[in-house]
Amino acid sequence: MMKYGRYAALSLLAALALSSCSPRLSPFTQKLYEDNNWSEAQLKRIQFYLSDDIVLRRQLGGGSSEITDGKIRVIDGRQVAEVVIRRGTPGVFLFSPKENRFAVGFESEGNDRFLVFGPSPRYNERYVLMASEWERNSGTVTYDGRQWEVSSQAAYATLMVDLKRLQQVDVNKREASGRRIGD
């Protein structure tokens, strides 16, 4: 019995050690952005993460269509292209289409594959998914140069950051070796 207790204690310690290494994600907010006054070059060095799944859908017209990534599904007898960006997916800042708006890419290929995020007064100034239009059950976003539909739940998808990593300060440290007469 003692043997199992030791294994349980070691397993618990290992789990705690591993969990302490994983990032602690916090919402990216307008206040955080303003307090740090980051330039575009600095924003490009911040690793963003997605708080919730985002599913992009668009109806495929007749004729031929090119589907590069994603899936084709049949919904209510219609062919629909779908791109899923899962919760926790890492993303990078690409550019700022206008003030307080971030174009963030979650795919390595194609600079047109981005979503736009901005601060929401209704959601504590968190940077959430922006759509050109929100209706009751869905919104319209541009992705890869095309219009896509997202569910209204996607409106709450937030950019997340690892604050511990962001707050680490680079210290340029050196130690004086001393100076002797005649040096």
C-alpha atoms as a PDB file:
ATOM      1  CA  MET A   1       0.000   0.000   0.000  1.00  0.00           C
ATOM      2  CA  MET A   2       2.872   2.334   0.793  1.00  0.00           C
ATOM      3  CA  LYS A   3       4.256   1.767  -2.698  1.00  0.00           C
ATOM      4  CA  TYR A   4       1.055   3.094  -4.323  1.00  0.00           C
ATOM      5  CA  GLY A   5       1.054   6.176  -2.093  1.00  0.00           C
ATOM      6  CA  ARG A   6       4.553   7.039  -3.259  1.00  0.00           C
ATOM      7  CA  TYR A   7       3.541   6.673  -6.915  1.00  0.00           C
ATOM      8  CA  ALA A   8       0.472   8.830  -6.349  1.00  0.00           C
ATOM      9  CA  ALA A   9       2.589  11.530  -4.688  1.00  0.00           C
ATOM     10  CA  LEU A  10       5.135  11.426  -7.535  1.00  0.00           C
ATOM     11  CA  SER A  11       2.345  11.585 -10.119  1.00  0.00           C
ATOM     12  CA  LEU A  12       0.834  14.594  -8.369  1.00  0.00           C
ATOM     13  CA  LEU A  13       4.207  16.359  -8.258  1.00  0.00           C
ATOM     14  CA  ALA A  14       4.794  15.651 -11.943  1.00  0.00           C
ATOM     15  CA  ALA A  15       1.343  16.982 -12.846  1.00  0.00           C
ATOM     16  CA  LEU A  16       1.938  20.160 -10.833  1.00  0.00           C
ATOM     17  CA  ALA A  17       5.338  20.696 -12.435  1.00  0.00           C
ATOM     18  CA  LEU A  18       3.919  20.281 -15.929  1.00  0.00           C
ATOM     19  CA  SER A  19       0.943  22.541 -15.265  1.00  0.00           C
ATOM     20  CA  SER A  20       3.199  25.297 -13.966  1.00  0.00           C
ATOM     21  CA  CYS A  21       5.025  25.294 -17.327  1.00  0.00           C
ATOM     22  CA  SER A  22       1.902  25.745 -19.408  1.00  0.00           C
ATOM     23  CA  PRO A  23       0.868  29.298 -20.278  1.00  0.00           C
ATOM     24  CA  ARG A  24      -1.702  31.090 -18.151  1.00  0.00           C
ATOM     25  CA  LEU A  25      -3.804  32.860 -20.697  1.00  0.00           C
ATOM     26  CA  SER A  26      -5.565  36.153 -20.051  1.00  0.00           C
ATOM     27  CA  PRO A  27      -7.793  38.208 -22.343  1.00  0.00           C
ATOM     28  CA  PHE A  28      -6.069  40.860 -24.426  1.00  0.00           C
ATOM     29  CA  THR A  29      -7.791  44.159 -23.575  1.00  0.00           C
ATOM     30  CA  GLN A  30      -7.678  47.758 -24.748  1.00  0.00           C
ATOM     31  CA  LYS A  31      -6.258  48.762 -21.346  1.00  0.00           C
ATOM     32  CA  LEU A  32      -3.405  46.266 -21.671  1.00  0.00           C
ATOM     33  CA  TYR A  33      -2.684  47.617 -25.162  1.00  0.00           C
ATOM     34  CA  GLU A  34      -2.772  51.271 -24.031  1.00  0.00           C
ATOM     35  CA  ASP A  35      -0.755  50.669 -20.844  1.00  0.00           C
ATOM     36  CA  ASN A  36       2.075  49.071 -22.820  1.00  0.00           C
ATOM     37  CA  ASN A  37       1.878  51.352 -25.889  1.00  0.00           C
ATOM     38  CA  TRP A  38       3.130  48.582 -28.204  1.00  0.00           C
ATOM     39  CA  SER A  39       4.236  49.396 -31.740  1.00  0.00           C
ATOM     40  CA  GLU A  40       3.226  47.208 -34.697  1.00  0.00           C
ATOM     41  CA  ALA A  41       6.703  45.626 -34.650  1.00  0.00           C
ATOM     42  CA  GLN A  42       6.252  44.714 -30.975  1.00  0.00           C
ATOM     43  CA  LEU A  43       2.729  43.366 -31.569  1.00  0.00           C
ATOM     44  CA  LYS A  44       4.178  41.004 -34.192  1.00  0.00           C
ATOM     45  CA  ARG A  45       6.306  39.422 -31.448  1.00  0.00           C
ATOM     46  CA  ILE A  46       3.313  38.668 -29.175  1.00  0.00           C
ATOM     47  CA  GLN A  47       1.848  35.163 -29.355  1.00  0.00           C
ATOM     48  CA  PHE A  48      -1.951  35.376 -29.375  1.00  0.00           C
ATOM     49  CA  TYR A  49      -4.329  32.485 -28.718  1.00  0.00           C
ATOM     50  CA  LEU A  50      -8.027  32.036 -29.429  1.00  0.00           C
ATOM     51  CA  SER A  51     -10.412  31.719 -26.457  1.00  0.00           C
ATOM     52  CA  ASP A  52     -13.189  29.784 -28.256  1.00  0.00           C
ATOM     53  CA  ASP A  53     -13.764  27.795 -31.430  1.00  0.00           C
ATOM     54  CA  ILE A  54     -14.656  29.801 -34.521  1.00  0.00           C
ATOM     55  CA  VAL A  55     -16.366  27.994 -37.400  1.00  0.00           C
ATOM     56  CA  LEU A  56     -16.417  29.813 -40.746  1.00  0.00           C
ATOM     57  CA  ARG A  57     -18.991  28.660 -43.321  1.00  0.00           C
ATOM     58  CA  ARG A  58     -19.850  29.727 -46.819  1.00  0.00           C
ATOM     59  CA  GLN A  59     -22.204  28.263 -49.324  1.00  0.00           C
ATOM     60  CA  LEU A  60     -20.611  26.917 -52.467  1.00  0.00           C
ATOM     61  CA  GLY A  61     -22.200  28.047 -55.701  1.00  0.00           C
ATOM     62  CA  GLY A  62     -22.816  25.848 -58.696  1.00  0.00           C
ATOM     63  CA  GLY A  63     -19.951  24.924 -60.944  1.00  0.00           C
ATOM     64  CA  SER A  64     -16.419  24.310 -59.826  1.00  0.00           C
ATOM     65  CA  SER A  65     -14.969  25.652 -56.592  1.00  0.00           C
ATOM     66  CA  GLU A  66     -11.482  25.476 -55.229  1.00  0.00           C
ATOM     67  CA  ILE A  67     -11.237  24.283 -51.667  1.00  0.00           C
ATOM     68  CA  THR A  68      -7.724  24.542 -50.302  1.00  0.00           C
ATOM     69  CA  ASP A  69      -8.226  23.914 -46.598  1.00  0.00           C
ATOM     70  CA  GLY A  70     -11.246  23.055 -44.599  1.00  0.00           C
ATOM     71  CA  LYS A  71     -14.055  20.664 -45.334  1.00  0.00           C
ATOM     72  CA  ILE A  72     -17.037  20.488 -47.630  1.00  0.00           C
ATOM     73  CA  ARG A  73     -20.246  19.553 -45.856  1.00  0.00           C
ATOM     74  CA  VAL A  74     -23.808  19.173 -47.018  1.00  0.00           C
ATOM     75  CA  ILE A  75     -26.226  21.156 -44.844  1.00  0.00           C
ATOM     76  CA  ASP A  76     -29.915  21.228 -45.818  1.00  0.00           C
ATOM     77  CA  GLY A  77     -29.013  19.894 -49.246  1.00  0.00           C
ATOM     78  CA  ARG A  78     -26.454  22.648 -49.911  1.00  0.00           C
ATOM     79  CA  GLN A  79     -22.716  22.254 -50.245  1.00  0.00           C
ATOM     80  CA  VAL A  80     -20.966  24.326 -47.624  1.00  0.00           C
ATOM     81  CA  ALA A  81     -17.244  25.001 -47.197  1.00  0.00           C
ATOM     82  CA  GLU A  82     -16.133  25.096 -43.580  1.00  0.00           C
ATOM     83  CA  VAL A  83     -12.966  26.275 -41.823  1.00  0.00           C
ATOM     84  CA  VAL A  84     -12.622  25.527 -38.114  1.00  0.00           C
ATOM     85  CA  ILE A  85     -10.229  27.472 -35.903  1.00  0.00           C
ATOM     86  CA  ARG A  86     -10.098  25.690 -32.547  1.00  0.00           C
ATOM     87  CA  ARG A  87      -9.866  27.188 -29.089  1.00  0.00           C
ATOM     88  CA  GLY A  88      -6.230  27.627 -28.069  1.00  0.00           C
ATOM     89  CA  THR A  89      -4.997  27.950 -31.664  1.00  0.00           C
ATOM     90  CA  PRO A  90      -1.947  30.238 -31.722  1.00  0.00           C
ATOM     91  CA  GLY A  91      -2.119  33.322 -33.934  1.00  0.00           C
ATOM     92  CA  VAL A  92       0.076  36.251 -34.896  1.00  0.00           C
ATOM     93  CA  PHE A  93      -0.583  39.934 -35.479  1.00  0.00           C
ATOM     94  CA  LEU A  94      -0.258  40.690 -39.211  1.00  0.00           C
ATOM     95  CA  PHE A  95      -1.309  44.347 -39.494  1.00  0.00           C
ATOM     96  CA  SER A  96      -3.737  46.933 -38.198  1.00  0.00           C
ATOM     97  CA  PRO A  97      -6.481  47.644 -40.773  1.00  0.00           C
ATOM     98  CA  LYS A  98      -7.530  50.695 -38.744  1.00  0.00           C
ATOM     99  CA  GLU A  99      -7.087  52.104 -35.267  1.00  0.00           C
ATOM    100  CA  ASN A 100      -7.712  49.557 -32.494  1.00  0.00           C
ATOM    101  CA  ARG A 101      -8.222  46.701 -34.973  1.00  0.00           C
ATOM    102  CA  PHE A 102      -5.858  43.742 -35.306  1.00  0.00           C
ATOM    103  CA  ALA A 103      -5.689  41.408 -38.282  1.00  0.00           C
ATOM    104  CA  VAL A 104      -4.575  38.099 -36.742  1.00  0.00           C
ATOM    105  CA  GLY A 105      -3.530  35.074 -38.775  1.00  0.00           C
ATOM    106  CA  PHE A 106      -4.056  31.549 -37.463  1.00  0.00           C
ATOM    107  CA  GLU A 107      -2.710  29.697 -40.517  1.00  0.00           C
ATOM    108  CA  SER A 108       0.891  29.616 -41.717  1.00  0.00           C
ATOM    109  CA  GLU A 109       0.057  29.941 -45.398  1.00  0.00           C
ATOM    110  CA  GLY A 110      -1.537  32.966 -47.015  1.00  0.00           C
ATOM    111  CA  ASN A 111      -1.528  36.491 -45.633  1.00  0.00           C
ATOM    112  CA  ASP A 112      -5.204  36.830 -46.626  1.00  0.00           C
ATOM    113  CA  ARG A 113      -6.187  34.217 -44.079  1.00  0.00           C
ATOM    114  CA  PHE A 114      -6.828  36.434 -41.089  1.00  0.00           C
ATOM    115  CA  LEU A 115      -9.641  37.542 -38.821  1.00  0.00           C
ATOM    116  CA  VAL A 116     -10.090  41.037 -37.415  1.00  0.00           C
ATOM    117  CA  PHE A 117     -10.355  41.631 -33.663  1.00  0.00           C
ATOM    118  CA  GLY A 118     -11.084  44.809 -31.750  1.00  0.00           C
ATOM    119  CA  PRO A 119     -12.122  46.030 -28.281  1.00  0.00           C
ATOM    120  CA  SER A 120     -15.747  45.525 -27.290  1.00  0.00           C
ATOM    121  CA  PRO A 121     -17.297  47.966 -24.787  1.00  0.00           C
ATOM    122  CA  ARG A 122     -19.909  45.299 -23.963  1.00  0.00           C
ATOM    123  CA  TYR A 123     -17.225  42.749 -23.133  1.00  0.00           C
ATOM    124  CA  ASN A 124     -14.890  44.764 -20.830  1.00  0.00           C
ATOM    125  CA  GLU A 125     -12.854  46.137 -23.771  1.00  0.00           C
ATOM    126  CA  ARG A 126     -11.616  42.646 -24.636  1.00  0.00           C
ATOM    127  CA  TYR A 127     -10.397  42.163 -28.206  1.00  0.00           C
ATOM    128  CA  VAL A 128     -13.169  40.069 -29.746  1.00  0.00           C
ATOM    129  CA  LEU A 129     -13.966  38.924 -33.279  1.00  0.00           C
ATOM    130  CA  MET A 130     -15.198  41.783 -35.446  1.00  0.00           C
ATOM    131  CA  ALA A 131     -17.685  41.173 -38.257  1.00  0.00           C
ATOM    132  CA  SER A 132     -18.783  43.498 -41.012  1.00  0.00           C
ATOM    133  CA  GLU A 133     -22.317  42.736 -39.900  1.00  0.00           C
ATOM    134  CA  TRP A 134     -23.906  40.923 -36.946  1.00  0.00           C
ATOM    135  CA  GLU A 135     -27.450  39.623 -37.153  1.00  0.00           C
ATOM    136  CA  ARG A 136     -29.437  37.719 -34.575  1.00  0.00           C
ATOM    137  CA  ASN A 137     -27.907  34.261 -35.194  1.00  0.00           C
ATOM    138  CA  SER A 138     -24.842  34.970 -37.308  1.00  0.00           C
ATOM    139  CA  GLY A 139     -22.269  37.413 -38.545  1.00  0.00           C
ATOM    140  CA  THR A 140     -20.334  38.011 -41.757  1.00  0.00           C
ATOM    141  CA  VAL A 141     -16.519  38.098 -41.774  1.00  0.00           C
ATOM    142  CA  THR A 142     -13.953  38.303 -44.534  1.00  0.00           C
ATOM    143  CA  TYR A 143     -11.393  35.498 -44.580  1.00  0.00           C
ATOM    144  CA  ASP A 144      -9.047  34.569 -47.420  1.00  0.00           C
ATOM    145  CA  GLY A 145     -10.623  37.326 -49.539  1.00  0.00           C
ATOM    146  CA  ARG A 146     -14.139  35.842 -49.318  1.00  0.00           C
ATOM    147  CA  GLN A 147     -17.240  36.434 -47.223  1.00  0.00           C
ATOM    148  CA  TRP A 148     -17.913  33.764 -44.578  1.00  0.00           C
ATOM    149  CA  GLU A 149     -20.704  33.302 -42.081  1.00  0.00           C
ATOM    150  CA  VAL A 150     -20.017  32.694 -38.371  1.00  0.00           C
ATOM    151  CA  SER A 151     -22.446  31.906 -35.585  1.00  0.00           C
ATOM    152  CA  SER A 152     -23.376  34.630 -33.113  1.00  0.00           C
ATOM    153  CA  GLN A 153     -21.389  32.675 -30.479  1.00  0.00           C
ATOM    154  CA  ALA A 154     -18.210  33.602 -32.387  1.00  0.00           C
ATOM    155  CA  ALA A 155     -18.789  37.223 -31.323  1.00  0.00           C
ATOM    156  CA  TYR A 156     -17.416  36.237 -27.910  1.00  0.00           C
ATOM    157  CA  ALA A 157     -14.197  34.690 -29.255  1.00  0.00           C
ATOM    158  CA  THR A 158     -11.417  36.673 -27.604  1.00  0.00           C
ATOM    159  CA  LEU A 159      -7.713  37.110 -28.232  1.00  0.00           C
ATOM    160  CA  MET A 160      -5.760  35.662 -25.318  1.00  0.00           C
ATOM    161  CA  VAL A 161      -2.121  36.197 -24.291  1.00  0.00           C
ATOM    162  CA  ASP A 162       0.291  34.675 -21.814  1.00  0.00           C
ATOM    163  CA  LEU A 163       0.664  37.652 -19.440  1.00  0.00           C
ATOM    164  CA  LYS A 164       3.503  36.070 -17.497  1.00  0.00           C
ATOM    165  CA  ARG A 165       5.550  35.881 -20.670  1.00  0.00           C
ATOM    166  CA  LEU A 166       4.546  39.397 -21.748  1.00  0.00           C
ATOM    167  CA  GLN A 167       5.594  40.865 -18.418  1.00  0.00           C
ATOM    168  CA  GLN A 168       9.036  39.331 -18.457  1.00  0.00           C
ATOM    169  CA  VAL A 169      11.489  42.165 -18.804  1.00  0.00           C
ATOM    170  CA  ASP A 170      14.642  41.745 -20.834  1.00  0.00           C
ATOM    171  CA  VAL A 171      17.489  42.743 -18.559  1.00  0.00           C
ATOM    172  CA  ASN A 172      20.775  43.685 -20.135  1.00  0.00           C
ATOM    173  CA  LYS A 173      23.055  42.691 -17.291  1.00  0.00           C
ATOM    174  CA  ARG A 174      26.787  42.910 -17.025  1.00  0.00           C
ATOM    175  CA  GLU A 175      29.158  42.774 -14.142  1.00  0.00           C
ATOM    176  CA  ALA A 176      31.989  45.208 -13.649  1.00  0.00           C
ATOM    177  CA  SER A 177      35.296  43.397 -13.427  1.00  0.00           C
ATOM    178  CA  GLY A 178      37.032  46.242 -11.627  1.00  0.00           C
ATOM    179  CA  ARG A 179      39.736  48.657 -12.726  1.00  0.00           C
ATOM    180  CA  ARG A 180      43.320  48.713 -11.585  1.00  0.00           C
ATOM    181  CA  ILE A 181      45.833  51.499 -11.633  1.00  0.00           C
ATOM    182  CA  GLY A 182      47.548  51.561 -14.975  1.00  0.00           C
ATOM    183  CA  ASP A 183      44.567  50.139 -16.895  1.00  0.00           C
END
